[in-house]
Amino acid sequence: MNLKIIKVGNSKGLRIPKTILDEYQIEDNVEVTLKKDCIELRPKNTPRQNWKEQFKLMTDNDDDELLIPDVFEDEEI
């Protein structure tokens, strides 16, 4: 696939087609890795993104069980 480099102010830019943005879930930011013979673009993942909504769903579905015990066998209660 060939993409055209465009002028953006004093810089240059690259237009990425919407189908590629959608397929790789790229929204606002990408990570850029410069390699010897290529430039690698990856979606910028935000750790813990949507956790609040997921925790609410777990609570609503009564699916919020502990995965490890809150008291250990060698612990005095």
PDB file of N, CA and C in Angstrom:
ATOM      1  N   MET A   1       0.848  -1.172   0.000  1.00  0.00           N
ATOM      2  CA  MET A   1       0.000   0.000   0.000  1.00  0.00           C
ATOM      3  C   MET A   1       0.894   1.236   0.000  1.00  0.00           C
ATOM      4  N   ASN A   2       0.640   2.120  -0.881  1.00  0.00           N
ATOM      5  CA  ASN A   2       1.366   3.389  -0.934  1.00  0.00           C
ATOM      6  C   ASN A   2       0.499   4.473  -0.322  1.00  0.00           C
ATOM      7  N   LEU A   3       1.102   5.266   0.568  1.00  0.00           N
ATOM      8  CA  LEU A   3       0.411   6.399   1.165  1.00  0.00           C
ATOM      9  C   LEU A   3       1.201   7.649   0.837  1.00  0.00           C
ATOM     10  N   LYS A   4       0.492   8.721   0.584  1.00  0.00           N
ATOM     11  CA  LYS A   4       1.128   9.976   0.200  1.00  0.00           C
ATOM     12  C   LYS A   4       1.498  10.785   1.448  1.00  0.00           C
ATOM     13  N   ILE A   5       2.705  11.352   1.430  1.00  0.00           N
ATOM     14  CA  ILE A   5       3.146  12.267   2.475  1.00  0.00           C
ATOM     15  C   ILE A   5       2.559  13.638   2.150  1.00  0.00           C
ATOM     16  N   ILE A   6       1.942  14.272   3.149  1.00  0.00           N
ATOM     17  CA  ILE A   6       1.304  15.568   2.924  1.00  0.00           C
ATOM     18  C   ILE A   6       1.952  16.636   3.800  1.00  0.00           C
ATOM     19  N   LYS A   7       1.798  17.872   3.406  1.00  0.00           N
ATOM     20  CA  LYS A   7       2.323  18.995   4.182  1.00  0.00           C
ATOM     21  C   LYS A   7       1.318  19.331   5.283  1.00  0.00           C
ATOM     22  N   VAL A   8       1.842  19.469   6.502  1.00  0.00           N
ATOM     23  CA  VAL A   8       1.023  19.861   7.652  1.00  0.00           C
ATOM     24  C   VAL A   8       1.776  20.988   8.356  1.00  0.00           C
ATOM     25  N   GLY A   9       1.419  22.213   8.080  1.00  0.00           N
ATOM     26  CA  GLY A   9       2.165  23.345   8.629  1.00  0.00           C
ATOM     27  C   GLY A   9       3.591  23.315   8.102  1.00  0.00           C
ATOM     28  N   ASN A  10       4.568  23.396   9.010  1.00  0.00           N
ATOM     29  CA  ASN A  10       5.970  23.318   8.620  1.00  0.00           C
ATOM     30  C   ASN A  10       6.469  21.872   8.586  1.00  0.00           C
ATOM     31  N   SER A  11       5.618  20.939   8.934  1.00  0.00           N
ATOM     32  CA  SER A  11       5.992  19.531   8.992  1.00  0.00           C
ATOM     33  C   SER A  11       5.380  18.771   7.830  1.00  0.00           C
ATOM     34  N   LYS A  12       5.557  17.487   7.852  1.00  0.00           N
ATOM     35  CA  LYS A  12       4.914  16.608   6.884  1.00  0.00           C
ATOM     36  C   LYS A  12       4.166  15.539   7.653  1.00  0.00           C
ATOM     37  N   GLY A  13       3.134  15.014   7.042  1.00  0.00           N
ATOM     38  CA  GLY A  13       2.303  14.023   7.715  1.00  0.00           C
ATOM     39  C   GLY A  13       1.951  12.879   6.797  1.00  0.00           C
ATOM     40  N   LEU A  14       1.321  11.901   7.381  1.00  0.00           N
ATOM     41  CA  LEU A  14       0.913  10.700   6.667  1.00  0.00           C
ATOM     42  C   LEU A  14      -0.559  10.472   6.953  1.00  0.00           C
ATOM     43  N   ARG A  15      -1.349  10.337   5.911  1.00  0.00           N
ATOM     44  CA  ARG A  15      -2.782  10.046   6.083  1.00  0.00           C
ATOM     45  C   ARG A  15      -2.955   8.543   6.155  1.00  0.00           C
ATOM     46  N   ILE A  16      -3.585   8.090   7.234  1.00  0.00           N
ATOM     47  CA  ILE A  16      -3.849   6.663   7.410  1.00  0.00           C
ATOM     48  C   ILE A  16      -5.330   6.443   7.137  1.00  0.00           C
ATOM     49  N   PRO A  17      -5.673   5.552   6.215  1.00  0.00           N
ATOM     50  CA  PRO A  17      -7.080   5.325   5.882  1.00  0.00           C
ATOM     51  C   PRO A  17      -7.903   4.864   7.089  1.00  0.00           C
ATOM     52  N   LYS A  18      -9.166   5.271   7.106  1.00  0.00           N
ATOM     53  CA  LYS A  18     -10.071   4.948   8.201  1.00  0.00           C
ATOM     54  C   LYS A  18     -10.179   3.449   8.419  1.00  0.00           C
ATOM     55  N   THR A  19     -10.163   2.662   7.363  1.00  0.00           N
ATOM     56  CA  THR A  19     -10.276   1.206   7.529  1.00  0.00           C
ATOM     57  C   THR A  19      -9.113   0.649   8.351  1.00  0.00           C
ATOM     58  N   ILE A  20      -7.918   1.197   8.156  1.00  0.00           N
ATOM     59  CA  ILE A  20      -6.756   0.755   8.932  1.00  0.00           C
ATOM     60  C   ILE A  20      -6.887   1.232  10.376  1.00  0.00           C
ATOM     61  N   LEU A  21      -7.307   2.483  10.560  1.00  0.00           N
ATOM     62  CA  LEU A  21      -7.497   3.005  11.914  1.00  0.00           C
ATOM     63  C   LEU A  21      -8.506   2.163  12.686  1.00  0.00           C
ATOM     64  N   ASP A  22      -9.596   1.800  12.037  1.00  0.00           N
ATOM     65  CA  ASP A  22     -10.621   0.986  12.684  1.00  0.00           C
ATOM     66  C   ASP A  22     -10.105  -0.424  12.990  1.00  0.00           C
ATOM     67  N   GLU A  23      -9.439  -1.023  12.020  1.00  0.00           N
ATOM     68  CA  GLU A  23      -8.967  -2.407  12.189  1.00  0.00           C
ATOM     69  C   GLU A  23      -7.988  -2.542  13.347  1.00  0.00           C
ATOM     70  N   TYR A  24      -7.116  -1.545  13.514  1.00  0.00           N
ATOM     71  CA  TYR A  24      -6.098  -1.614  14.562  1.00  0.00           C
ATOM     72  C   TYR A  24      -6.468  -0.789  15.794  1.00  0.00           C
ATOM     73  N   GLN A  25      -7.703  -0.310  15.829  1.00  0.00           N
ATOM     74  CA  GLN A  25      -8.248   0.450  16.951  1.00  0.00           C
ATOM     75  C   GLN A  25      -7.341   1.626  17.334  1.00  0.00           C
ATOM     76  N   ILE A  26      -6.930   2.365  16.324  1.00  0.00           N
ATOM     77  CA  ILE A  26      -6.114   3.555  16.537  1.00  0.00           C
ATOM     78  C   ILE A  26      -7.065   4.737  16.654  1.00  0.00           C
ATOM     79  N   GLU A  27      -6.938   5.467  17.755  1.00  0.00           N
ATOM     80  CA  GLU A  27      -7.823   6.616  17.962  1.00  0.00           C
ATOM     81  C   GLU A  27      -7.048   7.925  17.880  1.00  0.00           C
ATOM     82  N   ASP A  28      -6.413   8.316  18.962  1.00  0.00           N
ATOM     83  CA  ASP A  28      -5.761   9.624  18.986  1.00  0.00           C
ATOM     84  C   ASP A  28      -4.242   9.560  18.938  1.00  0.00           C
ATOM     85  N   ASN A  29      -3.652   8.503  19.474  1.00  0.00           N
ATOM     86  CA  ASN A  29      -2.202   8.426  19.602  1.00  0.00           C
ATOM     87  C   ASN A  29      -1.671   7.089  19.110  1.00  0.00           C
ATOM     88  N   VAL A  30      -0.444   7.122  18.614  1.00  0.00           N
ATOM     89  CA  VAL A  30       0.261   5.899  18.240  1.00  0.00           C
ATOM     90  C   VAL A  30       1.650   5.931  18.865  1.00  0.00           C
ATOM     91  N   GLU A  31       2.203   4.753  19.120  1.00  0.00           N
ATOM     92  CA  GLU A  31       3.590   4.638  19.537  1.00  0.00           C
ATOM     93  C   GLU A  31       4.416   4.461  18.280  1.00  0.00           C
ATOM     94  N   VAL A  32       5.509   5.181  18.175  1.00  0.00           N
ATOM     95  CA  VAL A  32       6.374   5.100  17.013  1.00  0.00           C
ATOM     96  C   VAL A  32       7.699   4.481  17.450  1.00  0.00           C
ATOM     97  N   THR A  33       8.108   3.409  16.759  1.00  0.00           N
ATOM     98  CA  THR A  33       9.391   2.782  17.015  1.00  0.00           C
ATOM     99  C   THR A  33      10.213   2.875  15.743  1.00  0.00           C
ATOM    100  N   LEU A  34      11.374   3.487  15.858  1.00  0.00           N
ATOM    101  CA  LEU A  34      12.263   3.611  14.704  1.00  0.00           C
ATOM    102  C   LEU A  34      13.188   2.409  14.685  1.00  0.00           C
ATOM    103  N   LYS A  35      13.156   1.663  13.604  1.00  0.00           N
ATOM    104  CA  LYS A  35      13.999   0.485  13.448  1.00  0.00           C
ATOM    105  C   LYS A  35      14.988   0.735  12.321  1.00  0.00           C
ATOM    106  N   LYS A  36      15.900  -0.180  12.149  1.00  0.00           N
ATOM    107  CA  LYS A  36      16.959   0.003  11.164  1.00  0.00           C
ATOM    108  C   LYS A  36      16.416   0.266   9.753  1.00  0.00           C
ATOM    109  N   ASP A  37      15.402  -0.493   9.363  1.00  0.00           N
ATOM    110  CA  ASP A  37      14.914  -0.373   7.988  1.00  0.00           C
ATOM    111  C   ASP A  37      13.431  -0.038   7.876  1.00  0.00           C
ATOM    112  N   CYS A  38      12.812   0.360   9.001  1.00  0.00           N
ATOM    113  CA  CYS A  38      11.385   0.692   8.926  1.00  0.00           C
ATOM    114  C   CYS A  38      10.963   1.546  10.114  1.00  0.00           C
ATOM    115  N   ILE A  39       9.780   2.098  10.015  1.00  0.00           N
ATOM    116  CA  ILE A  39       9.136   2.830  11.106  1.00  0.00           C
ATOM    117  C   ILE A  39       7.915   2.008  11.495  1.00  0.00           C
ATOM    118  N   GLU A  40       7.804   1.673  12.771  1.00  0.00           N
ATOM    119  CA  GLU A  40       6.708   0.835  13.246  1.00  0.00           C
ATOM    120  C   GLU A  40       5.718   1.696  14.014  1.00  0.00           C
ATOM    121  N   LEU A  41       4.462   1.623  13.646  1.00  0.00           N
ATOM    122  CA  LEU A  41       3.390   2.345  14.346  1.00  0.00           C
ATOM    123  C   LEU A  41       2.520   1.336  15.065  1.00  0.00           C
ATOM    124  N   ARG A  42       2.212   1.611  16.320  1.00  0.00           N
ATOM    125  CA  ARG A  42       1.320   0.755  17.111  1.00  0.00           C
ATOM    126  C   ARG A  42       0.299   1.627  17.824  1.00  0.00           C
ATOM    127  N   PRO A  43      -0.918   1.105  18.000  1.00  0.00           N
ATOM    128  CA  PRO A  43      -1.901   1.871  18.767  1.00  0.00           C
ATOM    129  C   PRO A  43      -1.360   2.135  20.164  1.00  0.00           C
ATOM    130  N   LYS A  44      -1.564   3.316  20.670  1.00  0.00           N
ATOM    131  CA  LYS A  44      -1.147   3.662  22.029  1.00  0.00           C
ATOM    132  C   LYS A  44      -2.192   3.111  22.974  1.00  0.00           C
ATOM    133  N   ASN A  45      -1.812   2.083  23.703  1.00  0.00           N
ATOM    134  CA  ASN A  45      -2.738   1.472  24.649  1.00  0.00           C
ATOM    135  C   ASN A  45      -2.704   2.221  25.972  1.00  0.00           C
ATOM    136  N   THR A  46      -3.863   2.442  26.522  1.00  0.00           N
ATOM    137  CA  THR A  46      -3.970   3.103  27.808  1.00  0.00           C
ATOM    138  C   THR A  46      -4.261   2.042  28.857  1.00  0.00           C
ATOM    139  N   PRO A  47      -3.299   1.771  29.749  1.00  0.00           N
ATOM    140  CA  PRO A  47      -3.551   0.772  30.791  1.00  0.00           C
ATOM    141  C   PRO A  47      -4.763   1.150  31.623  1.00  0.00           C
ATOM    142  N   ARG A  48      -5.505   0.169  31.990  1.00  0.00           N
ATOM    143  CA  ARG A  48      -6.682   0.327  32.854  1.00  0.00           C
ATOM    144  C   ARG A  48      -7.809   1.114  32.200  1.00  0.00           C
ATOM    145  N   GLN A  49      -7.752   1.255  30.892  1.00  0.00           N
ATOM    146  CA  GLN A  49      -8.806   1.965  30.192  1.00  0.00           C
ATOM    147  C   GLN A  49     -10.109   1.172  30.340  1.00  0.00           C
ATOM    148  N   ASN A  50     -11.180   1.847  30.640  1.00  0.00           N
ATOM    149  CA  ASN A  50     -12.517   1.258  30.801  1.00  0.00           C
ATOM    150  C   ASN A  50     -12.653   0.363  32.025  1.00  0.00           C
ATOM    151  N   TRP A  51     -11.705   0.381  32.946  1.00  0.00           N
ATOM    152  CA  TRP A  51     -11.816  -0.471  34.133  1.00  0.00           C
ATOM    153  C   TRP A  51     -13.033  -0.114  34.964  1.00  0.00           C
ATOM    154  N   LYS A  52     -13.308   1.170  35.104  1.00  0.00           N
ATOM    155  CA  LYS A  52     -14.440   1.594  35.930  1.00  0.00           C
ATOM    156  C   LYS A  52     -15.740   0.974  35.416  1.00  0.00           C
ATOM    157  N   GLU A  53     -15.951   1.041  34.112  1.00  0.00           N
ATOM    158  CA  GLU A  53     -17.165   0.470  33.518  1.00  0.00           C
ATOM    159  C   GLU A  53     -17.194  -1.051  33.682  1.00  0.00           C
ATOM    160  N   GLN A  54     -16.031  -1.692  33.513  1.00  0.00           N
ATOM    161  CA  GLN A  54     -15.971  -3.152  33.641  1.00  0.00           C
ATOM    162  C   GLN A  54     -16.246  -3.594  35.080  1.00  0.00           C
ATOM    163  N   PHE A  55     -15.726  -2.867  36.060  1.00  0.00           N
ATOM    164  CA  PHE A  55     -15.998  -3.198  37.458  1.00  0.00           C
ATOM    165  C   PHE A  55     -17.480  -3.020  37.772  1.00  0.00           C
ATOM    166  N   LYS A  56     -18.086  -1.988  37.215  1.00  0.00           N
ATOM    167  CA  LYS A  56     -19.515  -1.785  37.444  1.00  0.00           C
ATOM    168  C   LYS A  56     -20.315  -2.944  36.855  1.00  0.00           C
ATOM    169  N   LEU A  57     -19.951  -3.375  35.643  1.00  0.00           N
ATOM    170  CA  LEU A  57     -20.636  -4.521  35.038  1.00  0.00           C
ATOM    171  C   LEU A  57     -20.478  -5.775  35.885  1.00  0.00           C
ATOM    172  N   MET A  58     -19.284  -5.996  36.411  1.00  0.00           N
ATOM    173  CA  MET A  58     -19.053  -7.164  37.273  1.00  0.00           C
ATOM    174  C   MET A  58     -19.959  -7.106  38.499  1.00  0.00           C
ATOM    175  N   THR A  59     -20.056  -5.939  39.099  1.00  0.00           N
ATOM    176  CA  THR A  59     -20.897  -5.784  40.282  1.00  0.00           C
ATOM    177  C   THR A  59     -22.361  -5.993  39.922  1.00  0.00           C
ATOM    178  N   ASP A  60     -22.788  -5.393  38.822  1.00  0.00           N
ATOM    179  CA  ASP A  60     -24.182  -5.532  38.392  1.00  0.00           C
ATOM    180  C   ASP A  60     -24.539  -6.979  38.082  1.00  0.00           C
ATOM    181  N   ASN A  61     -23.575  -7.746  37.560  1.00  0.00           N
ATOM    182  CA  ASN A  61     -23.817  -9.150  37.198  1.00  0.00           C
ATOM    183  C   ASN A  61     -23.485 -10.112  38.339  1.00  0.00           C
ATOM    184  N   ASP A  62     -23.188  -9.556  39.516  1.00  0.00           N
ATOM    185  CA  ASP A  62     -22.810 -10.364  40.679  1.00  0.00           C
ATOM    186  C   ASP A  62     -21.660 -11.311  40.335  1.00  0.00           C
ATOM    187  N   ASP A  63     -20.698 -10.773  39.639  1.00  0.00           N
ATOM    188  CA  ASP A  63     -19.549 -11.552  39.177  1.00  0.00           C
ATOM    189  C   ASP A  63     -18.246 -10.949  39.714  1.00  0.00           C
ATOM    190  N   ASP A  64     -18.290 -10.496  40.961  1.00  0.00           N
ATOM    191  CA  ASP A  64     -17.115  -9.839  41.526  1.00  0.00           C
ATOM    192  C   ASP A  64     -16.526 -10.635  42.692  1.00  0.00           C
ATOM    193  N   GLU A  65     -16.326 -11.922  42.477  1.00  0.00           N
ATOM    194  CA  GLU A  65     -15.782 -12.781  43.532  1.00  0.00           C
ATOM    195  C   GLU A  65     -14.269 -12.573  43.672  1.00  0.00           C
ATOM    196  N   LEU A  66     -13.770 -12.826  44.873  1.00  0.00           N
ATOM    197  CA  LEU A  66     -12.346 -12.715  45.122  1.00  0.00           C
ATOM    198  C   LEU A  66     -11.600 -13.840  44.411  1.00  0.00           C
ATOM    199  N   LEU A  67     -10.479 -13.522  43.815  1.00  0.00           N
ATOM    200  CA  LEU A  67      -9.673 -14.540  43.149  1.00  0.00           C
ATOM    201  C   LEU A  67      -8.632 -15.138  44.090  1.00  0.00           C
ATOM    202  N   ILE A  68      -8.280 -14.385  45.121  1.00  0.00           N
ATOM    203  CA  ILE A  68      -7.410 -14.912  46.164  1.00  0.00           C
ATOM    204  C   ILE A  68      -8.080 -14.625  47.500  1.00  0.00           C
ATOM    205  N   PRO A  69      -7.845 -15.479  48.500  1.00  0.00           N
ATOM    206  CA  PRO A  69      -8.506 -15.234  49.787  1.00  0.00           C
ATOM    207  C   PRO A  69      -8.003 -13.941  50.432  1.00  0.00           C
ATOM    208  N   ASP A  70      -8.879 -13.292  51.177  1.00  0.00           N
ATOM    209  CA  ASP A  70      -8.456 -12.065  51.847  1.00  0.00           C
ATOM    210  C   ASP A  70      -7.793 -12.349  53.190  1.00  0.00           C
ATOM    211  N   VAL A  71      -7.830 -13.613  53.637  1.00  0.00           N
ATOM    212  CA  VAL A  71      -7.134 -14.051  54.848  1.00  0.00           C
ATOM    213  C   VAL A  71      -6.325 -15.286  54.484  1.00  0.00           C
ATOM    214  N   PHE A  72      -5.063 -15.299  54.878  1.00  0.00           N
ATOM    215  CA  PHE A  72      -4.204 -16.446  54.562  1.00  0.00           C
ATOM    216  C   PHE A  72      -4.177 -17.417  55.743  1.00  0.00           C
ATOM    217  N   GLU A  73      -3.860 -18.662  55.462  1.00  0.00           N
ATOM    218  CA  GLU A  73      -3.903 -19.704  56.493  1.00  0.00           C
ATOM    219  C   GLU A  73      -2.989 -19.406  57.669  1.00  0.00           C
ATOM    220  N   ASP A  74      -1.830 -18.820  57.432  1.00  0.00           N
ATOM    221  CA  ASP A  74      -0.885 -18.556  58.509  1.00  0.00           C
ATOM    222  C   ASP A  74      -1.125 -17.219  59.211  1.00  0.00           C
ATOM    223  N   GLU A  75      -2.211 -16.570  58.859  1.00  0.00           N
ATOM    224  CA  GLU A  75      -2.525 -15.266  59.415  1.00  0.00           C
ATOM    225  C   GLU A  75      -3.501 -15.421  60.570  1.00  0.00           C
ATOM    226  N   GLU A  76      -3.279 -14.693  61.656  1.00  0.00           N
ATOM    227  CA  GLU A  76      -4.222 -14.726  62.769  1.00  0.00           C
ATOM    228  C   GLU A  76      -5.362 -13.756  62.501  1.00  0.00           C
ATOM    229  N   ILE A  77      -6.541 -14.225  62.796  1.00  0.00           N
ATOM    230  CA  ILE A  77      -7.737 -13.389  62.561  1.00  0.00           C
ATOM    231  C   ILE A  77      -8.036 -12.549  63.749  1.00  0.00           C
TER     232      ILE A  77
END
